[in-house]
Amino acid sequence: MAFVSFDLAVFAMDDSADAVAVPAMFERCRSGSHVEGEFDHRIVGFYERVRATFPDRPPYGPDSPWMSTPLAVGIDHVFMNLSFSRCTPAIEVIGNLAKEYRLALWDPQSGDAYLPEA
């Protein structure tokens, strides 16, 4: 049986970020060019809340949305690899938490960036 997955990422960016800056930040983080420093409080809050609902460390429930664990966390981002067949509840939680913590949400498959509302 083949498992289909897809990625989502959230980023702590300043209010001047636009739809061009989000994929550029994704590429920078993915390439390993990480900025040093303290974790952004928005990333910490997002990560703690998303993993409280969908743990990224054992024991996992049978409906875990993650294809790769633990989640990839940096000071300014969280990368998530989700199972297509088990993602629906997680997508809603991720979207709501991204809004709550004013994080940019990036879908690299579609190239869509969802920016925090001003």
Protein backbone atom coordinates (compact mmCIF):
# COMPACT_ATOMS: atom_id res chain seq x y z
CA MET A 1 0.00 0.00 0.00
CA ALA A 2 1.36 3.41 -0.95
CA PHE A 3 1.07 6.27 1.47
CA VAL A 4 0.55 9.74 0.07
CA SER A 5 1.85 12.68 2.02
CA PHE A 6 2.14 16.42 1.71
CA ASP A 7 3.90 19.21 3.53
CA LEU A 8 2.82 22.35 5.33
CA ALA A 9 4.98 24.91 7.08
CA VAL A 10 4.37 27.85 9.38
CA PHE A 11 6.70 30.80 9.80
CA ALA A 12 7.07 33.60 12.31
CA MET A 13 7.56 36.62 10.08
CA ASP A 14 7.23 40.34 10.60
CA ASP A 15 4.14 42.22 9.51
CA SER A 16 5.79 43.38 6.27
CA ALA A 17 6.01 39.79 4.94
CA ASP A 18 4.27 39.14 1.66
CA ALA A 19 3.48 36.16 -0.55
CA VAL A 20 6.97 36.36 -2.11
CA ALA A 21 8.82 36.36 1.22
CA VAL A 22 7.13 33.17 2.49
CA PRO A 23 8.47 30.74 -0.15
CA ALA A 24 11.88 32.42 0.07
CA MET A 25 11.92 31.78 3.81
CA PHE A 26 10.84 28.18 3.22
CA GLU A 27 13.77 27.62 0.85
CA ARG A 28 16.20 29.29 3.26
CA CYS A 29 15.07 27.13 6.17
CA ARG A 30 14.90 23.95 4.10
CA SER A 31 18.44 24.48 2.83
CA GLY A 32 19.73 24.64 6.41
CA SER A 33 20.50 28.36 6.41
CA HIS A 34 18.97 28.87 9.81
CA VAL A 35 19.11 32.07 11.76
CA GLU A 36 20.60 31.66 15.24
CA GLY A 37 18.84 33.01 18.29
CA GLU A 38 15.96 32.44 20.64
CA PHE A 39 12.79 30.67 19.59
CA ASP A 40 10.02 33.03 18.54
CA HIS A 41 7.25 32.81 21.14
CA ARG A 42 4.67 32.33 18.37
CA ILE A 43 6.46 29.21 17.11
CA VAL A 44 6.73 27.83 20.65
CA GLY A 45 3.02 28.40 21.29
CA PHE A 46 1.99 26.91 17.95
CA TYR A 47 4.18 23.83 18.36
CA GLU A 48 3.07 23.13 21.91
CA ARG A 49 -0.61 23.44 21.00
CA VAL A 50 -0.45 21.41 17.78
CA ARG A 51 1.46 18.57 19.44
CA ALA A 52 -0.93 18.60 22.42
CA THR A 53 -3.67 17.71 19.94
CA PHE A 54 -1.58 15.53 17.59
CA PRO A 55 1.53 14.23 19.41
CA ASP A 56 4.70 14.01 17.34
CA ARG A 57 6.39 11.61 19.77
CA PRO A 58 5.27 8.14 20.89
CA PRO A 59 2.80 6.94 21.80
CA TYR A 60 0.96 7.90 18.62
CA GLY A 61 -2.71 7.30 18.14
CA PRO A 62 -3.90 5.33 15.13
CA ASP A 63 -5.22 8.55 13.58
CA SER A 64 -1.94 10.46 13.82
CA PRO A 65 -1.72 12.81 10.85
CA TRP A 66 2.10 12.81 10.76
CA MET A 67 4.14 10.92 8.17
CA SER A 68 7.43 12.12 9.65
CA THR A 69 8.15 12.72 13.32
CA PRO A 70 9.16 14.56 15.32
CA LEU A 71 8.09 17.71 13.55
CA ALA A 72 10.94 19.83 12.19
CA VAL A 73 11.11 22.91 14.40
CA GLY A 74 13.40 25.92 14.10
CA ILE A 75 13.45 29.23 15.90
CA ASP A 76 11.12 30.73 13.29
CA HIS A 77 9.33 27.78 11.67
CA VAL A 78 7.64 24.39 11.98
CA PHE A 79 7.68 21.96 9.04
CA MET A 80 4.97 19.29 8.99
CA ASN A 81 4.73 16.21 6.75
CA LEU A 82 1.12 14.95 6.84
CA SER A 83 -0.62 11.79 5.70
CA PHE A 84 -3.13 12.69 3.02
CA SER A 85 -5.61 10.10 4.29
CA ARG A 86 -5.53 11.32 7.92
CA CYS A 87 -4.98 15.06 7.57
CA THR A 88 -8.42 16.70 7.63
CA PRO A 89 -8.69 17.35 11.41
CA ALA A 90 -5.04 18.41 11.57
CA ILE A 91 -5.38 20.92 8.72
CA GLU A 92 -8.18 22.68 10.57
CA VAL A 93 -6.16 22.82 13.80
CA ILE A 94 -3.01 23.99 11.96
CA GLY A 95 -4.92 26.73 10.13
CA ASN A 96 -6.65 27.97 13.27
CA LEU A 97 -3.42 27.99 15.30
CA ALA A 98 -1.52 29.75 12.50
CA LYS A 99 -4.15 32.52 12.60
CA GLU A 100 -4.15 32.67 16.40
CA TYR A 101 -0.35 32.96 16.59
CA ARG A 102 -0.14 35.26 13.54
CA LEU A 103 2.06 32.87 11.57
CA ALA A 104 2.40 32.64 7.81
CA LEU A 105 1.20 29.27 6.50
CA TRP A 106 2.88 27.83 3.40
CA ASP A 107 1.65 25.01 1.17
CA PRO A 108 4.66 24.10 -1.01
CA GLN A 109 2.60 21.76 -3.19
CA SER A 110 0.24 24.49 -4.40
CA GLY A 111 2.59 27.42 -3.86
CA ASP A 112 -0.03 29.15 -1.73
CA ALA A 113 0.96 31.42 1.14
CA TYR A 114 -1.57 32.39 3.78
CA LEU A 115 -0.49 35.51 5.62
CA PRO A 116 -1.69 36.68 9.03
CA GLU A 117 -4.49 39.19 8.78
CA ALA A 118 -3.45 42.76 9.49
